[in-house]
Amino acid sequence: MRFRIFDGMEAMSEEQMETEISMLAGWRKEKALRYKFLIDRFLCAKAYLLLKQLLMEEYGIDCDPSFGYVANHKPVLLEYPEIQFNFSHCRKGILCVLDSRAVGCDIEEIPSRLDPELYRYCFNDMETERILSSEEPGVEFAKLWTMKEALLKMTGEGLRDDIKNLLQETDREDIGFQTVPATEKGYVYTICRRL
């Protein structure tokens, strides 16, 4: 497994963001330009550019990969279906991961305020208690949320209504999680992969 994180958005000028967007292949540039705000265009562009960088580093592949989609819009590389990938972004960072096995990832900004309705909807009683009793509830929230989202992206299920008990329902013998709180940067990320 290989992954890359870009978390230098604050240092990027509008001109630098526009330059990154201009480096995209036609179809991906069209997708990026559909976003209303420059930051969202940049996040879309940079995720794709990280994928290209990892493909070159890991496999020597120097191309503009095209995506196909399987169940629930899980992307696959049309030219290289044996290579699994996933990416995620938030306003604090962009994460891209490659693997030879099924993989999913999520990166989320650590919330400064928590909405009780949201965590009661997304987390079971044990997880809710874990969040509420934590010295850093926002970090704990982001850890659990990124684990759930990375798992759903790995399996190709996508978000679903019944995620409260998702982590307890999952047979974990063949699934591994790598969850990292980068509190100094303001985000948490998780990579979930088949072992």
C-alpha atoms as a PDB file:
ATOM      1  CA  MET A   1       0.000   0.000   0.000  1.00  0.00           C
ATOM      2  CA  ARG A   2       1.174   3.514  -0.829  1.00  0.00           C
ATOM      3  CA  PHE A   3      -0.471   6.800   0.033  1.00  0.00           C
ATOM      4  CA  ARG A   4       0.088  10.528  -0.170  1.00  0.00           C
ATOM      5  CA  ILE A   5      -1.381  13.436   1.760  1.00  0.00           C
ATOM      6  CA  PHE A   6      -1.384  17.044   0.661  1.00  0.00           C
ATOM      7  CA  ASP A   7      -2.217  19.452   3.460  1.00  0.00           C
ATOM      8  CA  GLY A   8      -0.727  22.730   2.320  1.00  0.00           C
ATOM      9  CA  MET A   9      -3.865  24.503   1.123  1.00  0.00           C
ATOM     10  CA  GLU A  10      -3.259  27.536   3.342  1.00  0.00           C
ATOM     11  CA  ALA A  11       0.031  28.201   1.540  1.00  0.00           C
ATOM     12  CA  MET A  12      -1.512  27.978  -1.947  1.00  0.00           C
ATOM     13  CA  SER A  13      -2.251  31.175  -3.825  1.00  0.00           C
ATOM     14  CA  GLU A  14      -5.192  31.385  -6.215  1.00  0.00           C
ATOM     15  CA  GLU A  15      -2.693  31.433  -9.083  1.00  0.00           C
ATOM     16  CA  GLN A  16      -1.045  28.224  -7.838  1.00  0.00           C
ATOM     17  CA  MET A  17      -4.440  26.547  -7.506  1.00  0.00           C
ATOM     18  CA  GLU A  18      -5.370  27.584 -11.056  1.00  0.00           C
ATOM     19  CA  THR A  19      -2.045  26.183 -12.306  1.00  0.00           C
ATOM     20  CA  GLU A  20      -2.750  22.800 -10.689  1.00  0.00           C
ATOM     21  CA  ILE A  21      -6.215  22.713 -12.268  1.00  0.00           C
ATOM     22  CA  SER A  22      -4.741  23.534 -15.691  1.00  0.00           C
ATOM     23  CA  MET A  23      -2.515  20.428 -15.451  1.00  0.00           C
ATOM     24  CA  LEU A  24      -5.514  18.079 -15.600  1.00  0.00           C
ATOM     25  CA  ALA A  25      -6.578  15.852 -18.473  1.00  0.00           C
ATOM     26  CA  GLY A  26      -9.652  17.099 -20.351  1.00  0.00           C
ATOM     27  CA  TRP A  27     -12.363  15.011 -18.655  1.00  0.00           C
ATOM     28  CA  ARG A  28     -10.982  15.595 -15.162  1.00  0.00           C
ATOM     29  CA  LYS A  29     -10.577  19.319 -15.800  1.00  0.00           C
ATOM     30  CA  GLU A  30     -14.232  19.464 -16.883  1.00  0.00           C
ATOM     31  CA  LYS A  31     -15.223  17.731 -13.647  1.00  0.00           C
ATOM     32  CA  ALA A  32     -13.135  20.117 -11.530  1.00  0.00           C
ATOM     33  CA  LEU A  33     -14.487  23.189 -13.289  1.00  0.00           C
ATOM     34  CA  ARG A  34     -18.075  22.164 -12.480  1.00  0.00           C
ATOM     35  CA  TYR A  35     -17.426  23.170  -8.871  1.00  0.00           C
ATOM     36  CA  LYS A  36     -18.475  26.699  -8.032  1.00  0.00           C
ATOM     37  CA  PHE A  37     -15.618  27.627  -5.702  1.00  0.00           C
ATOM     38  CA  LEU A  38     -11.916  27.630  -6.539  1.00  0.00           C
ATOM     39  CA  ILE A  39     -10.994  25.634  -3.411  1.00  0.00           C
ATOM     40  CA  ASP A  40     -13.352  22.803  -4.442  1.00  0.00           C
ATOM     41  CA  ARG A  41     -11.938  22.852  -7.980  1.00  0.00           C
ATOM     42  CA  PHE A  42      -8.455  22.636  -6.522  1.00  0.00           C
ATOM     43  CA  LEU A  43      -9.341  19.749  -4.173  1.00  0.00           C
ATOM     44  CA  CYS A  44     -10.756  17.778  -7.109  1.00  0.00           C
ATOM     45  CA  ALA A  45      -7.677  18.535  -9.220  1.00  0.00           C
ATOM     46  CA  LYS A  46      -5.084  17.795  -6.553  1.00  0.00           C
ATOM     47  CA  ALA A  47      -6.653  14.436  -5.624  1.00  0.00           C
ATOM     48  CA  TYR A  48      -6.287  13.336  -9.246  1.00  0.00           C
ATOM     49  CA  LEU A  49      -2.727  14.681  -9.461  1.00  0.00           C
ATOM     50  CA  LEU A  50      -1.804  12.753  -6.301  1.00  0.00           C
ATOM     51  CA  LEU A  51      -3.173   9.613  -7.936  1.00  0.00           C
ATOM     52  CA  LYS A  52      -1.020  10.237 -11.005  1.00  0.00           C
ATOM     53  CA  GLN A  53       2.026  10.798  -8.781  1.00  0.00           C
ATOM     54  CA  LEU A  54       1.466   7.538  -6.899  1.00  0.00           C
ATOM     55  CA  LEU A  55       0.914   5.570 -10.122  1.00  0.00           C
ATOM     56  CA  MET A  56       4.245   6.845 -11.428  1.00  0.00           C
ATOM     57  CA  GLU A  57       6.127   6.176  -8.184  1.00  0.00           C
ATOM     58  CA  GLU A  58       4.684   2.734  -7.518  1.00  0.00           C
ATOM     59  CA  TYR A  59       4.174   1.285 -11.016  1.00  0.00           C
ATOM     60  CA  GLY A  60       6.052   3.557 -13.427  1.00  0.00           C
ATOM     61  CA  ILE A  61       2.728   4.454 -15.055  1.00  0.00           C
ATOM     62  CA  ASP A  62       2.843   7.892 -16.653  1.00  0.00           C
ATOM     63  CA  CYS A  63      -0.596   8.595 -18.056  1.00  0.00           C
ATOM     64  CA  ASP A  64      -3.857  10.401 -17.428  1.00  0.00           C
ATOM     65  CA  PRO A  65      -5.901   7.488 -16.065  1.00  0.00           C
ATOM     66  CA  SER A  66      -9.588   7.209 -16.860  1.00  0.00           C
ATOM     67  CA  PHE A  67     -12.158   6.054 -14.362  1.00  0.00           C
ATOM     68  CA  GLY A  68     -14.956   3.566 -14.652  1.00  0.00           C
ATOM     69  CA  TYR A  69     -17.431   2.973 -11.878  1.00  0.00           C
ATOM     70  CA  VAL A  70     -18.743  -0.162 -10.234  1.00  0.00           C
ATOM     71  CA  ALA A  71     -21.436  -0.552  -7.575  1.00  0.00           C
ATOM     72  CA  ASN A  72     -22.368   2.659  -5.775  1.00  0.00           C
ATOM     73  CA  HIS A  73     -20.038   4.766  -7.916  1.00  0.00           C
ATOM     74  CA  LYS A  74     -16.820   3.174  -6.619  1.00  0.00           C
ATOM     75  CA  PRO A  75     -14.148   4.317  -9.075  1.00  0.00           C
ATOM     76  CA  VAL A  76     -11.815   1.892 -10.852  1.00  0.00           C
ATOM     77  CA  LEU A  77      -8.945   2.576 -13.206  1.00  0.00           C
ATOM     78  CA  LEU A  78     -10.124   1.525 -16.666  1.00  0.00           C
ATOM     79  CA  GLU A  79      -6.616   0.912 -18.003  1.00  0.00           C
ATOM     80  CA  TYR A  80      -5.368  -0.828 -14.832  1.00  0.00           C
ATOM     81  CA  PRO A  81      -8.264  -2.613 -13.102  1.00  0.00           C
ATOM     82  CA  GLU A  82      -5.850  -4.650 -10.958  1.00  0.00           C
ATOM     83  CA  ILE A  83      -4.732  -1.477  -9.152  1.00  0.00           C
ATOM     84  CA  GLN A  84      -7.096  -0.427  -6.380  1.00  0.00           C
ATOM     85  CA  PHE A  85      -7.262   3.223  -5.362  1.00  0.00           C
ATOM     86  CA  ASN A  86      -9.307   5.694  -3.413  1.00  0.00           C
ATOM     87  CA  PHE A  87      -9.099   9.339  -2.493  1.00  0.00           C
ATOM     88  CA  SER A  88     -10.774  11.773  -0.177  1.00  0.00           C
ATOM     89  CA  HIS A  89     -10.503  15.446   0.593  1.00  0.00           C
ATOM     90  CA  CYS A  90     -11.658  18.070   3.032  1.00  0.00           C
ATOM     91  CA  ARG A  91     -10.700  21.718   3.506  1.00  0.00           C
ATOM     92  CA  LYS A  92      -7.642  20.667   5.544  1.00  0.00           C
ATOM     93  CA  GLY A  93      -6.168  17.906   3.390  1.00  0.00           C
ATOM     94  CA  ILE A  94      -6.279  15.564   0.440  1.00  0.00           C
ATOM     95  CA  LEU A  95      -5.549  11.839   0.755  1.00  0.00           C
ATOM     96  CA  CYS A  96      -4.903   9.347  -2.044  1.00  0.00           C
ATOM     97  CA  VAL A  97      -4.120   5.646  -1.575  1.00  0.00           C
ATOM     98  CA  LEU A  98      -3.118   2.784  -3.921  1.00  0.00           C
ATOM     99  CA  ASP A  99      -3.116  -0.910  -3.173  1.00  0.00           C
ATOM    100  CA  SER A 100      -3.268  -4.284  -4.878  1.00  0.00           C
ATOM    101  CA  ARG A 101      -6.254  -5.146  -2.655  1.00  0.00           C
ATOM    102  CA  ALA A 102      -9.546  -3.395  -1.976  1.00  0.00           C
ATOM    103  CA  VAL A 103      -8.911  -0.080  -0.254  1.00  0.00           C
ATOM    104  CA  GLY A 104     -10.893   2.923   0.976  1.00  0.00           C
ATOM    105  CA  CYS A 105      -9.926   6.135   2.712  1.00  0.00           C
ATOM    106  CA  ASP A 106     -11.393   9.199   4.314  1.00  0.00           C
ATOM    107  CA  ILE A 107      -9.956  12.454   5.614  1.00  0.00           C
ATOM    108  CA  GLU A 108     -12.044  14.838   7.700  1.00  0.00           C
ATOM    109  CA  GLU A 109     -11.496  18.127   9.424  1.00  0.00           C
ATOM    110  CA  ILE A 110     -11.679  17.865  13.207  1.00  0.00           C
ATOM    111  CA  PRO A 111     -14.908  19.630  14.153  1.00  0.00           C
ATOM    112  CA  SER A 112     -14.724  22.348  16.759  1.00  0.00           C
ATOM    113  CA  ARG A 113     -18.403  21.881  17.653  1.00  0.00           C
ATOM    114  CA  LEU A 114     -20.430  18.687  17.587  1.00  0.00           C
ATOM    115  CA  ASP A 115     -24.091  18.427  16.719  1.00  0.00           C
ATOM    116  CA  PRO A 116     -25.663  15.915  19.140  1.00  0.00           C
ATOM    117  CA  GLU A 117     -28.238  14.913  16.536  1.00  0.00           C
ATOM    118  CA  LEU A 118     -25.520  13.970  14.074  1.00  0.00           C
ATOM    119  CA  TYR A 119     -23.565  11.692  16.374  1.00  0.00           C
ATOM    120  CA  ARG A 120     -26.703  10.132  17.772  1.00  0.00           C
ATOM    121  CA  TYR A 121     -27.725   9.320  14.190  1.00  0.00           C
ATOM    122  CA  CYS A 122     -24.292   8.037  13.089  1.00  0.00           C
ATOM    123  CA  PHE A 123     -22.961   6.291  16.196  1.00  0.00           C
ATOM    124  CA  ASN A 124     -24.245   3.609  18.537  1.00  0.00           C
ATOM    125  CA  ASP A 125     -24.440   4.090  22.304  1.00  0.00           C
ATOM    126  CA  MET A 126     -20.931   2.771  22.933  1.00  0.00           C
ATOM    127  CA  GLU A 127     -19.402   5.057  20.278  1.00  0.00           C
ATOM    128  CA  THR A 128     -21.423   8.049  21.477  1.00  0.00           C
ATOM    129  CA  GLU A 129     -20.147   7.472  25.022  1.00  0.00           C
ATOM    130  CA  ARG A 130     -16.607   7.171  23.648  1.00  0.00           C
ATOM    131  CA  ILE A 131     -16.995  10.577  21.965  1.00  0.00           C
ATOM    132  CA  LEU A 132     -18.648  12.302  24.921  1.00  0.00           C
ATOM    133  CA  SER A 133     -16.153  10.981  27.491  1.00  0.00           C
ATOM    134  CA  SER A 134     -13.108  11.824  25.396  1.00  0.00           C
ATOM    135  CA  GLU A 135     -10.785  14.684  26.326  1.00  0.00           C
ATOM    136  CA  GLU A 136     -10.949  15.596  22.631  1.00  0.00           C
ATOM    137  CA  PRO A 137     -14.503  14.797  21.476  1.00  0.00           C
ATOM    138  CA  GLY A 138     -13.958  16.308  18.009  1.00  0.00           C
ATOM    139  CA  VAL A 139     -10.950  14.059  17.401  1.00  0.00           C
ATOM    140  CA  GLU A 140     -12.814  10.988  18.616  1.00  0.00           C
ATOM    141  CA  PHE A 141     -15.782  11.877  16.410  1.00  0.00           C
ATOM    142  CA  ALA A 142     -13.500  12.254  13.375  1.00  0.00           C
ATOM    143  CA  LYS A 143     -11.707   8.965  14.105  1.00  0.00           C
ATOM    144  CA  LEU A 144     -14.934   6.969  14.219  1.00  0.00           C
ATOM    145  CA  TRP A 145     -16.471   8.780  11.253  1.00  0.00           C
ATOM    146  CA  THR A 146     -13.415   8.289   9.014  1.00  0.00           C
ATOM    147  CA  MET A 147     -13.273   4.599   9.934  1.00  0.00           C
ATOM    148  CA  LYS A 148     -16.894   4.133   8.889  1.00  0.00           C
ATOM    149  CA  GLU A 149     -16.576   6.100   5.677  1.00  0.00           C
ATOM    150  CA  ALA A 150     -13.278   4.431   4.674  1.00  0.00           C
ATOM    151  CA  LEU A 151     -14.838   1.005   5.247  1.00  0.00           C
ATOM    152  CA  LEU A 152     -17.883   1.846   3.127  1.00  0.00           C
ATOM    153  CA  LYS A 153     -15.663   3.217   0.362  1.00  0.00           C
ATOM    154  CA  MET A 154     -13.487   0.087   0.474  1.00  0.00           C
ATOM    155  CA  THR A 155     -16.459  -2.247   0.120  1.00  0.00           C
ATOM    156  CA  GLY A 156     -18.103  -0.034  -2.495  1.00  0.00           C
ATOM    157  CA  GLU A 157     -21.284   0.268  -0.455  1.00  0.00           C
ATOM    158  CA  GLY A 158     -21.221   4.030  -0.182  1.00  0.00           C
ATOM    159  CA  LEU A 159     -23.004   5.840   2.619  1.00  0.00           C
ATOM    160  CA  ARG A 160     -26.085   4.099   3.887  1.00  0.00           C
ATOM    161  CA  ASP A 161     -28.812   4.836   6.401  1.00  0.00           C
ATOM    162  CA  ASP A 162     -27.861   2.229   9.000  1.00  0.00           C
ATOM    163  CA  ILE A 163     -24.288   3.123   9.931  1.00  0.00           C
ATOM    164  CA  LYS A 164     -24.680   3.145  13.706  1.00  0.00           C
ATOM    165  CA  ASN A 165     -23.387  -0.394  14.197  1.00  0.00           C
ATOM    166  CA  LEU A 166     -21.267  -0.649  11.060  1.00  0.00           C
ATOM    167  CA  LEU A 167     -17.935  -1.152  12.824  1.00  0.00           C
ATOM    168  CA  GLN A 168     -19.350  -3.797  15.164  1.00  0.00           C
ATOM    169  CA  GLU A 169     -21.053  -5.661  12.293  1.00  0.00           C
ATOM    170  CA  THR A 170     -17.900  -5.873  10.237  1.00  0.00           C
ATOM    171  CA  ASP A 171     -15.878  -9.091  10.268  1.00  0.00           C
ATOM    172  CA  ARG A 172     -12.498  -7.567  11.021  1.00  0.00           C
ATOM    173  CA  GLU A 173     -10.293 -10.620  10.483  1.00  0.00           C
ATOM    174  CA  ASP A 174      -9.542  -9.632   6.908  1.00  0.00           C
ATOM    175  CA  ILE A 175      -9.856  -5.848   7.269  1.00  0.00           C
ATOM    176  CA  GLY A 176      -7.261  -3.467   8.627  1.00  0.00           C
ATOM    177  CA  PHE A 177      -7.672   0.161   9.679  1.00  0.00           C
ATOM    178  CA  GLN A 178      -4.957   2.790   9.921  1.00  0.00           C
ATOM    179  CA  THR A 179      -6.407   5.837  11.676  1.00  0.00           C
ATOM    180  CA  VAL A 180      -4.208   8.855  12.275  1.00  0.00           C
ATOM    181  CA  PRO A 181      -5.246  12.011  14.128  1.00  0.00           C
ATOM    182  CA  ALA A 182      -3.136  14.879  12.777  1.00  0.00           C
ATOM    183  CA  THR A 183      -4.398  17.268  15.430  1.00  0.00           C
ATOM    184  CA  GLU A 184      -1.733  19.897  14.750  1.00  0.00           C
ATOM    185  CA  LYS A 185      -2.979  20.033  11.129  1.00  0.00           C
ATOM    186  CA  GLY A 186      -6.660  19.886  12.094  1.00  0.00           C
ATOM    187  CA  TYR A 187      -7.666  16.603  10.485  1.00  0.00           C
ATOM    188  CA  VAL A 188      -7.990  12.853  10.988  1.00  0.00           C
ATOM    189  CA  TYR A 189      -7.561  10.260   8.261  1.00  0.00           C
ATOM    190  CA  THR A 190      -8.261   6.557   7.995  1.00  0.00           C
ATOM    191  CA  ILE A 191      -7.175   4.010   5.426  1.00  0.00           C
ATOM    192  CA  CYS A 192      -9.151   0.763   5.375  1.00  0.00           C
ATOM    193  CA  ARG A 193      -7.910  -2.214   3.376  1.00  0.00           C
ATOM    194  CA  ARG A 194      -8.335  -5.904   2.870  1.00  0.00           C
ATOM    195  CA  LEU A 195      -5.476  -7.805   4.508  1.00  0.00           C
END
